[in-house]
Amino acid sequence: MATPQSNKSKSTTTRKTPEPKAPDAIKLLEADHKEVAGWFEDYDKTESDAKKGKLSEKICLALKVHMQIEEEIFYPASREALKADQEEMVDEAVVEHSSAKALIAEIEMMEVGEDLYDARVKVLGEIIEHHVEEEEKEYFPTCRKTDMDLVALGARMAARKEQLMKKLARPNGQAMV
């Protein structure tokens, strides 16, 4: 006796869901800029030391990861693609990172509520705001005019960012200080 055929189609082709496309490198960096700017705004608005502590940890972690992927991947690629007279933009960005890193280290060694804690976070925000403005108004548009493969760079940067976030974050999701 023949067994009844199932109602399933005999076709074994399955549709593949397209993998999410990584943002190009500049869009990834700009999204980071926007996210951190929002956290700085939230920090300025809150009076709660507990909220300030959580926000400053998020800010510091995000900035450390962001700066590392720029320095490891984006800056070297852009330095290769830029004309010799444009490389000073990269140099200035590296120096700005150095200032931000020093301030982040100071913040991470302090407790919320200590003298100058809020001032350090405020100054860090100002340094980052200046840095972001230069990148988004001068550096990134200049990079877009080169032959840089921003999609491939974006994929590398997104993967490295994920790796660093796992490495640097505490098990509860907070930054390791």
Protein backbone atom coordinates (compact mmCIF):
# COMPACT_ATOMS: atom_id res chain seq x y z
CA MET A 1 0.00 0.00 0.00
CA ALA A 2 1.28 3.43 -0.86
CA THR A 3 1.79 5.87 1.92
CA PRO A 4 0.07 9.20 1.56
CA GLN A 5 2.31 12.01 0.45
CA SER A 6 2.75 14.90 2.80
CA ASN A 7 1.39 18.25 1.83
CA LYS A 8 4.91 19.63 1.80
CA SER A 9 6.27 20.78 -1.46
CA LYS A 10 8.93 18.57 -2.95
CA SER A 11 11.10 21.59 -3.53
CA THR A 12 13.91 21.75 -1.06
CA THR A 13 14.98 25.26 -1.95
CA THR A 14 14.92 27.54 1.00
CA ARG A 15 15.05 31.26 0.92
CA LYS A 16 18.06 32.68 2.57
CA THR A 17 17.47 35.73 4.64
CA PRO A 18 20.03 38.26 3.56
CA GLU A 19 22.59 38.82 6.26
CA PRO A 20 22.34 42.28 7.74
CA LYS A 21 24.67 44.55 5.88
CA ALA A 22 27.30 46.17 8.06
CA PRO A 23 27.17 49.94 7.96
CA ASP A 24 29.99 51.64 6.22
CA ALA A 25 32.82 52.67 8.51
CA ILE A 26 31.84 56.32 8.69
CA LYS A 27 28.19 55.57 9.44
CA LEU A 28 29.29 53.21 12.22
CA LEU A 29 31.50 55.90 13.75
CA GLU A 30 28.79 58.55 13.43
CA ALA A 31 26.29 56.26 15.16
CA ASP A 32 28.76 55.88 18.03
CA HIS A 33 29.15 59.66 18.19
CA LYS A 34 25.40 60.15 18.42
CA GLU A 35 24.96 57.49 21.10
CA VAL A 36 27.71 58.90 23.34
CA ALA A 37 26.47 62.47 22.87
CA GLY A 38 23.09 61.34 24.18
CA TRP A 39 24.71 59.81 27.24
CA PHE A 40 26.62 63.04 27.94
CA GLU A 41 23.31 64.94 27.71
CA ASP A 42 21.68 62.48 30.11
CA TYR A 43 24.61 62.86 32.50
CA ASP A 44 24.23 66.66 32.50
CA LYS A 45 20.53 66.37 33.32
CA THR A 46 20.73 63.92 36.22
CA GLU A 47 21.31 64.64 39.88
CA SER A 48 21.51 60.98 40.90
CA ASP A 49 25.02 59.75 41.69
CA ALA A 50 23.93 56.19 40.85
CA LYS A 51 22.75 57.25 37.38
CA LYS A 52 25.85 59.38 36.88
CA GLY A 53 28.02 56.38 37.73
CA LYS A 54 26.25 54.12 35.24
CA LEU A 55 26.33 56.78 32.54
CA SER A 56 30.00 57.61 33.03
CA GLU A 57 30.86 53.89 32.85
CA LYS A 58 28.90 53.54 29.59
CA ILE A 59 30.53 56.67 28.19
CA CYS A 60 34.06 55.59 29.11
CA LEU A 61 33.61 52.05 27.76
CA ALA A 62 32.06 53.25 24.51
CA LEU A 63 34.77 55.84 23.98
CA LYS A 64 37.61 53.41 24.70
CA VAL A 65 36.22 50.90 22.22
CA HIS A 66 35.43 53.60 19.65
CA MET A 67 38.91 55.10 19.86
CA GLN A 68 40.56 51.69 19.63
CA ILE A 69 38.72 50.69 16.45
CA GLU A 70 39.50 54.07 14.92
CA GLU A 71 43.18 53.76 15.80
CA GLU A 72 43.52 50.10 14.79
CA ILE A 73 41.48 50.11 11.61
CA PHE A 74 40.05 53.43 10.39
CA TYR A 75 42.98 55.79 10.91
CA PRO A 76 45.60 53.55 9.23
CA ALA A 77 43.28 52.95 6.26
CA SER A 78 42.52 56.62 5.90
CA ARG A 79 46.17 57.59 6.28
CA GLU A 80 46.95 55.34 3.28
CA ALA A 81 44.11 56.81 1.21
CA LEU A 82 44.59 60.48 2.04
CA LYS A 83 46.96 62.76 0.23
CA ALA A 84 50.13 63.67 2.13
CA ASP A 85 48.88 67.18 2.87
CA GLN A 86 45.67 65.76 4.41
CA GLU A 87 47.32 63.39 6.88
CA GLU A 88 47.47 66.06 9.57
CA MET A 89 43.77 65.38 10.18
CA VAL A 90 44.72 61.88 11.32
CA ASP A 91 47.54 63.21 13.49
CA GLU A 92 45.21 65.70 15.20
CA ALA A 93 42.62 62.98 15.83
CA VAL A 94 45.25 60.77 17.46
CA VAL A 95 46.37 63.63 19.74
CA GLU A 96 42.74 64.37 20.68
CA HIS A 97 42.31 60.68 21.55
CA SER A 98 45.35 60.89 23.80
CA SER A 99 43.79 63.73 25.79
CA ALA A 100 40.47 61.89 26.05
CA LYS A 101 42.17 58.67 27.18
CA ALA A 102 44.01 60.48 29.97
CA LEU A 103 40.76 62.00 31.22
CA ILE A 104 38.94 58.66 30.98
CA ALA A 105 41.67 57.05 33.10
CA GLU A 106 41.25 59.78 35.72
CA ILE A 107 37.46 59.36 35.75
CA GLU A 108 37.73 55.60 36.08
CA MET A 109 39.97 55.93 39.12
CA MET A 110 37.46 58.16 40.92
CA GLU A 111 34.13 57.70 42.64
CA VAL A 112 31.05 59.64 41.59
CA GLY A 113 30.64 62.61 43.91
CA GLU A 114 34.36 63.16 44.48
CA ASP A 115 35.69 66.65 43.92
CA LEU A 116 36.13 67.39 40.23
CA TYR A 117 34.41 64.18 39.06
CA ASP A 118 31.59 66.07 37.34
CA ALA A 119 34.08 68.59 35.97
CA ARG A 120 36.16 65.81 34.44
CA VAL A 121 33.12 64.24 32.78
CA LYS A 122 32.07 67.69 31.51
CA VAL A 123 35.52 68.40 30.04
CA LEU A 124 35.63 64.93 28.49
CA GLY A 125 32.31 65.73 26.83
CA GLU A 126 33.71 69.00 25.49
CA ILE A 127 36.83 67.29 24.13
CA ILE A 128 34.69 64.65 22.45
CA GLU A 129 32.26 67.23 21.06
CA HIS A 130 35.16 69.13 19.47
CA HIS A 131 36.69 65.90 18.15
CA VAL A 132 33.37 64.74 16.67
CA GLU A 133 32.76 68.09 15.00
CA GLU A 134 36.14 67.98 13.26
CA GLU A 135 35.70 64.37 12.20
CA GLU A 136 32.17 64.81 10.86
CA LYS A 137 32.71 68.18 9.15
CA GLU A 138 36.23 67.76 7.79
CA TYR A 139 37.83 64.34 8.18
CA PHE A 140 34.96 62.03 7.18
CA PRO A 141 33.90 64.03 4.10
CA THR A 142 37.53 64.03 2.96
CA CYS A 143 37.70 60.25 3.47
CA ARG A 144 34.50 59.76 1.45
CA LYS A 145 36.25 61.35 -1.54
CA THR A 146 38.98 58.69 -1.51
CA ASP A 147 38.93 55.13 -2.80
CA MET A 148 38.63 53.68 0.73
CA ASP A 149 36.39 50.60 0.87
CA LEU A 150 34.17 51.94 3.64
CA VAL A 151 31.86 48.92 3.63
CA ALA A 152 34.69 46.44 4.14
CA LEU A 153 36.20 48.71 6.80
CA GLY A 154 32.80 48.99 8.47
CA ALA A 155 32.48 45.21 8.65
CA ARG A 156 35.95 44.87 10.17
CA MET A 157 35.27 47.67 12.63
CA ALA A 158 31.88 46.25 13.66
CA ALA A 159 33.45 42.85 14.33
CA ARG A 160 36.32 44.38 16.31
CA LYS A 161 33.90 46.59 18.24
CA GLU A 162 31.85 43.55 19.27
CA GLN A 163 35.01 41.74 20.33
CA LEU A 164 36.24 44.68 22.41
CA MET A 165 32.86 45.26 24.06
CA LYS A 166 32.85 41.64 25.24
CA LYS A 167 36.43 41.89 26.43
CA LEU A 168 36.10 45.19 28.28
CA ALA A 169 32.60 44.91 29.72
CA ARG A 170 31.89 43.40 33.12
CA PRO A 171 29.59 40.39 33.25
CA ASN A 172 26.75 42.68 34.38
CA GLY A 173 27.22 44.80 31.27
CA GLN A 174 29.06 47.62 32.99
CA ALA A 175 32.50 48.78 32.00
CA MET A 176 35.52 47.29 33.68
CA VAL A 177 37.19 50.05 35.61
